[in-house]
Protein backbone atom coordinates (compact mmCIF):
# COMPACT_ATOMS: atom_id res chain seq x y z
CA MET A 1 45.02 -38.02 20.42
CA VAL A 2 45.89 -41.39 22.02
CA ARG A 3 49.64 -40.59 22.63
CA HIS A 4 48.82 -37.19 24.06
CA ALA A 5 46.12 -38.54 26.13
CA LEU A 6 48.46 -40.47 28.19
CA LEU A 7 49.97 -37.32 29.27
CA LEU A 8 46.69 -36.70 31.14
CA ALA A 9 47.06 -39.42 33.41
CA PRO A 10 48.20 -36.75 36.24
CA LEU A 11 44.84 -35.13 35.96
CA ALA A 12 43.02 -38.25 36.80
CA LEU A 13 45.68 -38.60 39.84
CA ALA A 14 45.00 -34.96 40.81
CA ALA A 15 41.08 -35.62 40.76
CA CYS A 16 41.59 -38.24 43.58
CA ALA A 17 39.51 -38.10 46.65
CA PRO A 18 39.94 -39.78 50.14
CA GLU A 19 36.79 -41.78 49.49
CA GLY A 20 36.13 -41.31 45.57
CA ASN A 21 37.18 -42.38 42.24
CA SER A 22 38.07 -40.30 39.39
CA THR A 23 37.41 -41.32 35.58
CA ILE A 24 38.51 -39.83 32.22
CA ILE A 25 37.40 -41.15 28.94
CA LEU A 26 38.90 -39.50 25.46
CA ASN A 27 37.44 -40.72 22.56
CA GLY A 28 39.56 -40.27 19.07
CA GLU A 29 40.19 -41.12 16.05
CA ASP A 30 43.20 -43.49 17.17
CA GLY A 31 40.79 -45.07 19.70
CA ASN A 32 39.64 -44.74 23.25
CA VAL A 33 41.59 -43.75 26.21
CA SER A 34 40.32 -44.78 29.68
CA ILE A 35 42.17 -43.58 32.87
CA VAL A 36 40.55 -44.41 36.09
CA THR A 37 41.62 -43.94 39.79
CA ASP A 38 40.08 -45.44 42.71
CA ALA A 39 39.97 -44.29 46.47
CA GLU A 40 43.30 -46.34 47.18
CA GLY A 41 45.07 -44.70 44.47
CA HIS A 42 45.20 -47.70 42.31
CA THR A 43 45.51 -46.29 38.61
CA THR A 44 44.53 -48.04 35.41
CA VAL A 45 45.35 -46.67 31.82
CA ALA A 46 43.64 -48.33 28.88
CA ALA A 47 44.66 -47.13 25.24
CA PRO A 48 45.19 -48.86 22.03
CA GLY A 49 48.43 -50.96 22.47
CA VAL A 50 48.57 -49.76 26.26
CA ASN A 51 47.37 -51.44 29.20
CA ALA A 52 48.72 -50.26 32.58
CA SER A 53 47.84 -50.77 36.06
CA ILE A 54 49.98 -48.91 38.82
CA SER A 55 49.66 -47.86 42.47
CA LEU A 56 50.18 -44.09 43.44
CA PRO A 57 49.98 -42.38 46.67
CA LYS A 58 46.20 -40.74 46.90
CA ILE A 59 46.18 -36.94 46.36
CA ASP A 60 43.26 -35.12 47.94
CA ILE A 61 41.71 -31.99 46.46
CA ASP A 62 38.97 -29.93 47.96
CA ALA A 63 37.03 -26.54 46.99
CA ALA A 64 39.98 -24.57 46.14
CA ASP A 65 41.37 -26.85 43.61
CA PHE A 66 37.97 -26.88 41.26
CA ASP A 67 37.03 -24.06 39.30
CA VAL A 68 34.39 -23.77 36.33
CA ASN A 69 34.53 -20.51 34.68
CA GLY A 70 35.38 -18.86 37.97
CA VAL A 71 32.56 -20.72 40.13
CA LYS A 72 34.39 -22.72 42.86
CA LEU A 73 32.80 -25.55 44.98
CA TYR A 74 31.50 -24.14 48.35
CA PRO A 75 34.21 -23.46 50.60
CA GLY A 76 35.81 -26.53 52.56
CA SER A 77 33.98 -28.89 50.40
CA THR A 78 35.83 -32.34 49.40
CA VAL A 79 35.48 -33.95 46.17
CA LYS A 80 34.06 -37.52 46.38
CA ASP A 81 34.09 -38.26 42.52
CA PHE A 82 35.20 -36.86 39.51
CA LYS A 83 34.33 -37.78 35.61
CA LEU A 84 35.39 -36.30 32.48
CA ASP A 85 34.19 -37.71 29.14
CA ALA A 86 35.52 -35.99 26.34
CA SER A 87 35.52 -36.62 22.31
CA GLU A 88 38.42 -35.26 20.19
CA GLY A 89 38.44 -31.75 20.02
CA PHE A 90 36.38 -31.39 23.32
CA ALA A 91 37.76 -28.01 24.03
CA ALA A 92 37.41 -26.41 20.56
CA LYS A 93 33.86 -27.99 19.69
CA GLY A 94 32.23 -27.84 23.28
CA LYS A 95 31.69 -31.70 23.26
CA GLY A 96 31.79 -33.57 26.34
CA HIS A 97 30.78 -34.12 29.99
CA LEU A 98 32.23 -33.18 33.18
CA SER A 99 30.69 -34.38 36.45
CA ILE A 100 31.92 -33.83 40.01
CA ALA A 101 30.48 -35.12 43.29
CA PHE A 102 31.16 -33.33 46.63
CA ASP A 103 30.36 -32.98 50.26
CA ALA A 104 29.83 -29.20 51.49
CA PRO A 105 30.31 -28.43 55.20
CA ALA A 106 27.08 -26.50 55.43
CA SER A 107 23.23 -26.58 55.38
CA LEU A 108 21.46 -27.05 52.25
CA ASP A 109 20.02 -23.39 52.33
CA LYS A 110 23.50 -21.96 52.91
CA VAL A 111 24.96 -23.82 50.11
CA GLN A 112 22.24 -23.04 47.58
CA ALA A 113 22.62 -19.40 48.24
CA TRP A 114 26.57 -19.47 47.88
CA PHE A 115 26.19 -21.21 44.40
CA ARG A 116 23.19 -19.05 43.26
CA ASP A 117 25.29 -15.82 44.18
CA ASN A 118 28.57 -17.01 42.74
CA MET A 119 26.93 -18.14 39.49
CA ALA A 120 25.31 -14.97 39.21
CA LYS A 121 28.46 -13.09 39.47
CA ARG A 122 30.19 -15.13 36.58
CA ASN A 123 27.21 -14.50 34.46
CA PHE A 124 25.74 -18.18 34.49
CA LYS A 125 22.32 -17.97 33.58
CA VAL A 126 20.54 -20.43 36.04
CA SER A 127 17.15 -20.98 37.71
CA ALA A 128 16.06 -23.23 40.51
CA GLN A 129 15.69 -26.94 39.79
CA GLY A 130 14.84 -29.12 42.86
CA ASN A 131 17.17 -28.17 45.39
CA GLY A 132 19.65 -27.11 42.81
CA PHE A 133 19.99 -24.99 39.58
CA ALA A 134 19.65 -25.54 35.93
CA GLY A 135 20.89 -23.54 33.17
CA THR A 136 23.99 -22.46 31.22
CA THR A 137 27.58 -21.10 32.08
CA ASP A 138 28.69 -18.09 30.78
CA GLU A 139 30.03 -19.66 27.82
CA GLY A 140 26.73 -21.30 26.85
CA ASP A 141 27.47 -24.64 28.02
CA PRO A 142 24.64 -26.66 29.85
CA VAL A 143 25.15 -26.98 33.56
CA THR A 144 23.06 -28.57 36.45
CA LEU A 145 23.87 -28.45 40.11
CA GLU A 146 22.13 -31.28 42.17
CA LEU A 147 22.04 -30.41 46.16
CA THR A 148 20.88 -32.89 48.58
CA PRO A 149 20.80 -32.21 52.64
CA ASP A 150 22.95 -34.92 54.51
CA GLY A 151 22.12 -33.73 58.12
CA PRO A 152 21.83 -30.20 59.55
CA ASP A 153 25.21 -29.07 58.69
CA LYS A 154 26.24 -31.10 55.56
CA THR A 155 25.01 -31.16 51.82
CA LYS A 156 25.76 -33.44 49.14
CA GLY A 157 26.20 -31.86 45.64
CA ARG A 158 26.74 -32.95 42.04
CA MET A 159 27.87 -30.55 39.20
CA THR A 160 27.19 -31.40 35.70
CA ILE A 161 28.67 -29.46 32.69
CA GLY A 162 28.32 -30.20 28.79
CA ALA A 163 26.26 -32.33 26.51
């Protein structure tokens, strides 16, 4: 597990945002692996027997680069923070936690309607919770979407998937 997790470093780098961070934590029988990238592109990889720190160019991702079971972020959104915490066998056993924070270039009501419609099209079962939604994905994984107005034409959001 640990050996293979080091191959995930590009995923952490791909999740970098201009003002955000990305974190991937994998827990396995061989020990824990942590890959952290900050806003300046400094990446640290820590695993049993490995501790590396390197600087790489920042890679910006936006709404088109992110997809959860067919649901993308609101068009034009920018990713501000990305965290993945997974146990060994994450994909097979449905264990783990994914959280992504983003800024959307539209009012709260437009972003709410966009997510509500797109989640329904992809068979998510969600209901209103605060300014966002909570429920399950089409595969039955827990999902929450927190939305906060950030001026007349901006919305901050955080989508969380998993246990």
